[in-house]
Amino acid sequence: MASDDFFLRKAPPAVHRGAFVFQRLPAGSAAVLLNPAHKHTDLVLAVDAIEDGLLSQIDGTRSLGDIVREHPGSSAGHRVLMFLRKLWEYDQVVIDASEQGDVSVRSGRAC
């Protein structure tokens, strides 16, 4: 299994802003993210205003660790890490783990 340090060094590509919905949102949400590559349209992720701001920091150049360090404090850093993990779980970001020998790499293809 890859270490946290391995993933914190990675800089995922920017989240495609065209996959956002800004109308008829759930309460407390600033946007809903869709993955247009998925056949299953029920795989959506509602984000609040803070998370929407974090999304803009994922630009393909900054590492996940850089983004976490921009939010000092244990609770803020933890929230950033949990949100980044959620983005990965919902297939909104892709992290290339191919150089890590013992990691199962997800293809990035739709389910």
C-alpha atoms as a PDB file:
ATOM      1  CA  MET A   1       0.000   0.000   0.000  1.00  0.00           C
ATOM      2  CA  ALA A   2       1.316   3.456  -0.865  1.00  0.00           C
ATOM      3  CA  SER A   3       2.193   5.819   1.945  1.00  0.00           C
ATOM      4  CA  ASP A   4       0.400   9.094   2.617  1.00  0.00           C
ATOM      5  CA  ASP A   5       3.644  10.916   1.759  1.00  0.00           C
ATOM      6  CA  PHE A   6       3.582   9.358  -1.706  1.00  0.00           C
ATOM      7  CA  PHE A   7       0.125  10.766  -2.433  1.00  0.00           C
ATOM      8  CA  LEU A   8       0.830  14.138  -0.797  1.00  0.00           C
ATOM      9  CA  ARG A   9       3.640  14.641  -3.346  1.00  0.00           C
ATOM     10  CA  LYS A  10       1.204  14.148  -6.260  1.00  0.00           C
ATOM     11  CA  ALA A  11      -0.355  17.039  -8.194  1.00  0.00           C
ATOM     12  CA  PRO A  12      -3.660  15.859  -9.672  1.00  0.00           C
ATOM     13  CA  PRO A  13      -4.988  17.604 -12.779  1.00  0.00           C
ATOM     14  CA  ALA A  14      -7.602  20.296 -12.291  1.00  0.00           C
ATOM     15  CA  VAL A  15     -11.211  19.230 -11.822  1.00  0.00           C
ATOM     16  CA  HIS A  16     -13.160  19.985 -15.003  1.00  0.00           C
ATOM     17  CA  ARG A  17     -15.438  22.930 -14.110  1.00  0.00           C
ATOM     18  CA  GLY A  18     -17.906  21.927 -16.820  1.00  0.00           C
ATOM     19  CA  ALA A  19     -18.979  19.042 -14.616  1.00  0.00           C
ATOM     20  CA  PHE A  20     -20.485  21.362 -12.005  1.00  0.00           C
ATOM     21  CA  VAL A  21     -24.154  22.059 -11.365  1.00  0.00           C
ATOM     22  CA  PHE A  22     -25.059  25.347  -9.679  1.00  0.00           C
ATOM     23  CA  GLN A  23     -28.877  25.171  -9.833  1.00  0.00           C
ATOM     24  CA  ARG A  24     -31.404  23.378  -7.603  1.00  0.00           C
ATOM     25  CA  LEU A  25     -28.730  22.486  -5.043  1.00  0.00           C
ATOM     26  CA  PRO A  26     -29.156  20.607  -1.777  1.00  0.00           C
ATOM     27  CA  ALA A  27     -29.264  22.856   1.293  1.00  0.00           C
ATOM     28  CA  GLY A  28     -25.805  24.092   2.295  1.00  0.00           C
ATOM     29  CA  SER A  29     -24.220  23.228  -1.045  1.00  0.00           C
ATOM     30  CA  ALA A  30     -22.367  25.639  -3.311  1.00  0.00           C
ATOM     31  CA  ALA A  31     -22.216  23.181  -6.214  1.00  0.00           C
ATOM     32  CA  VAL A  32     -22.712  19.569  -7.191  1.00  0.00           C
ATOM     33  CA  LEU A  33     -19.955  17.752  -9.068  1.00  0.00           C
ATOM     34  CA  LEU A  34     -20.757  15.260 -11.781  1.00  0.00           C
ATOM     35  CA  ASN A  35     -18.298  13.001 -13.527  1.00  0.00           C
ATOM     36  CA  PRO A  36     -19.332  13.084 -17.203  1.00  0.00           C
ATOM     37  CA  ALA A  37     -17.302   9.926 -17.841  1.00  0.00           C
ATOM     38  CA  HIS A  38     -19.608   7.892 -15.606  1.00  0.00           C
ATOM     39  CA  LYS A  39     -22.575   6.053 -16.994  1.00  0.00           C
ATOM     40  CA  HIS A  40     -24.171   6.202 -13.538  1.00  0.00           C
ATOM     41  CA  THR A  41     -25.624   9.697 -13.166  1.00  0.00           C
ATOM     42  CA  ASP A  42     -26.418   9.154  -9.498  1.00  0.00           C
ATOM     43  CA  LEU A  43     -22.709   9.341  -8.596  1.00  0.00           C
ATOM     44  CA  VAL A  44     -22.674  13.017  -7.641  1.00  0.00           C
ATOM     45  CA  LEU A  45     -20.837  14.938  -4.946  1.00  0.00           C
ATOM     46  CA  ALA A  46     -22.304  18.017  -3.263  1.00  0.00           C
ATOM     47  CA  VAL A  47     -19.669  20.527  -2.093  1.00  0.00           C
ATOM     48  CA  ASP A  48     -19.987  23.513   0.221  1.00  0.00           C
ATOM     49  CA  ALA A  49     -18.385  26.924  -0.285  1.00  0.00           C
ATOM     50  CA  ILE A  50     -15.132  25.970   1.485  1.00  0.00           C
ATOM     51  CA  GLU A  51     -14.782  22.790  -0.571  1.00  0.00           C
ATOM     52  CA  ASP A  52     -15.524  24.726  -3.758  1.00  0.00           C
ATOM     53  CA  GLY A  53     -12.592  26.993  -2.873  1.00  0.00           C
ATOM     54  CA  LEU A  54     -10.378  23.950  -2.360  1.00  0.00           C
ATOM     55  CA  LEU A  55     -11.338  22.680  -5.808  1.00  0.00           C
ATOM     56  CA  SER A  56      -9.933  25.813  -7.398  1.00  0.00           C
ATOM     57  CA  GLN A  57      -6.577  25.035  -5.771  1.00  0.00           C
ATOM     58  CA  ILE A  58      -6.324  21.712  -7.609  1.00  0.00           C
ATOM     59  CA  ASP A  59      -4.625  23.035 -10.723  1.00  0.00           C
ATOM     60  CA  GLY A  60      -2.269  20.313 -11.886  1.00  0.00           C
ATOM     61  CA  THR A  61       0.797  22.083 -10.534  1.00  0.00           C
ATOM     62  CA  ARG A  62       0.313  22.143  -6.766  1.00  0.00           C
ATOM     63  CA  SER A  63       0.740  18.898  -4.912  1.00  0.00           C
ATOM     64  CA  LEU A  64      -1.881  17.660  -2.486  1.00  0.00           C
ATOM     65  CA  GLY A  65       0.647  18.359   0.282  1.00  0.00           C
ATOM     66  CA  ASP A  66       0.975  21.988  -0.878  1.00  0.00           C
ATOM     67  CA  ILE A  67      -2.790  22.392  -0.676  1.00  0.00           C
ATOM     68  CA  VAL A  68      -2.922  20.883   2.808  1.00  0.00           C
ATOM     69  CA  ARG A  69      -0.071  23.148   3.998  1.00  0.00           C
ATOM     70  CA  GLU A  70      -1.984  26.213   2.774  1.00  0.00           C
ATOM     71  CA  HIS A  71      -4.595  25.445   5.435  1.00  0.00           C
ATOM     72  CA  PRO A  72      -2.702  25.403   8.739  1.00  0.00           C
ATOM     73  CA  GLY A  73      -4.163  23.905  11.876  1.00  0.00           C
ATOM     74  CA  SER A  74      -4.939  20.315  12.629  1.00  0.00           C
ATOM     75  CA  SER A  75      -8.705  20.560  12.053  1.00  0.00           C
ATOM     76  CA  ALA A  76      -8.332  22.524   8.805  1.00  0.00           C
ATOM     77  CA  GLY A  77      -5.634  20.186   7.492  1.00  0.00           C
ATOM     78  CA  HIS A  78      -7.723  17.170   8.419  1.00  0.00           C
ATOM     79  CA  ARG A  79     -10.777  18.601   6.640  1.00  0.00           C
ATOM     80  CA  VAL A  80      -8.703  19.257   3.503  1.00  0.00           C
ATOM     81  CA  LEU A  81      -7.335  15.695   3.541  1.00  0.00           C
ATOM     82  CA  MET A  82     -10.813  14.203   4.016  1.00  0.00           C
ATOM     83  CA  PHE A  83     -12.210  16.296   1.165  1.00  0.00           C
ATOM     84  CA  LEU A  84      -9.369  15.324  -1.168  1.00  0.00           C
ATOM     85  CA  ARG A  85      -9.991  11.680  -0.307  1.00  0.00           C
ATOM     86  CA  LYS A  86     -13.701  12.130  -1.047  1.00  0.00           C
ATOM     87  CA  LEU A  87     -12.858  13.644  -4.442  1.00  0.00           C
ATOM     88  CA  TRP A  88     -10.766  10.572  -5.211  1.00  0.00           C
ATOM     89  CA  GLU A  89     -13.499   8.194  -3.996  1.00  0.00           C
ATOM     90  CA  TYR A  90     -16.040   9.918  -6.266  1.00  0.00           C
ATOM     91  CA  ASP A  91     -13.638   9.771  -9.240  1.00  0.00           C
ATOM     92  CA  GLN A  92     -13.310  13.544  -9.407  1.00  0.00           C
ATOM     93  CA  VAL A  93      -9.501  13.541  -9.214  1.00  0.00           C
ATOM     94  CA  VAL A  94      -7.004  11.080 -10.605  1.00  0.00           C
ATOM     95  CA  ILE A  95      -3.730  10.330  -8.877  1.00  0.00           C
ATOM     96  CA  ASP A  96      -1.093   8.475 -10.862  1.00  0.00           C
ATOM     97  CA  ALA A  97       0.241   5.760  -8.596  1.00  0.00           C
ATOM     98  CA  SER A  98       1.864   3.762 -11.374  1.00  0.00           C
ATOM     99  CA  GLU A  99       5.382   4.436 -10.082  1.00  0.00           C
ATOM    100  CA  GLN A 100       4.439   2.925  -6.712  1.00  0.00           C
ATOM    101  CA  GLY A 101       5.049  -0.781  -7.256  1.00  0.00           C
ATOM    102  CA  ASP A 102       2.586  -2.332  -4.823  1.00  0.00           C
ATOM    103  CA  VAL A 103      -0.461  -0.163  -5.534  1.00  0.00           C
ATOM    104  CA  SER A 104      -3.464  -1.230  -7.558  1.00  0.00           C
ATOM    105  CA  VAL A 105      -3.889   1.554 -10.093  1.00  0.00           C
ATOM    106  CA  ARG A 106      -7.382   2.576 -11.130  1.00  0.00           C
ATOM    107  CA  SER A 107      -7.713   2.962 -14.868  1.00  0.00           C
ATOM    108  CA  GLY A 108      -9.651   6.224 -14.731  1.00  0.00           C
ATOM    109  CA  ARG A 109     -12.241   4.704 -17.059  1.00  0.00           C
ATOM    110  CA  ALA A 110     -15.922   4.962 -16.301  1.00  0.00           C
ATOM    111  CA  CYS A 111     -17.677   2.155 -14.454  1.00  0.00           C
END
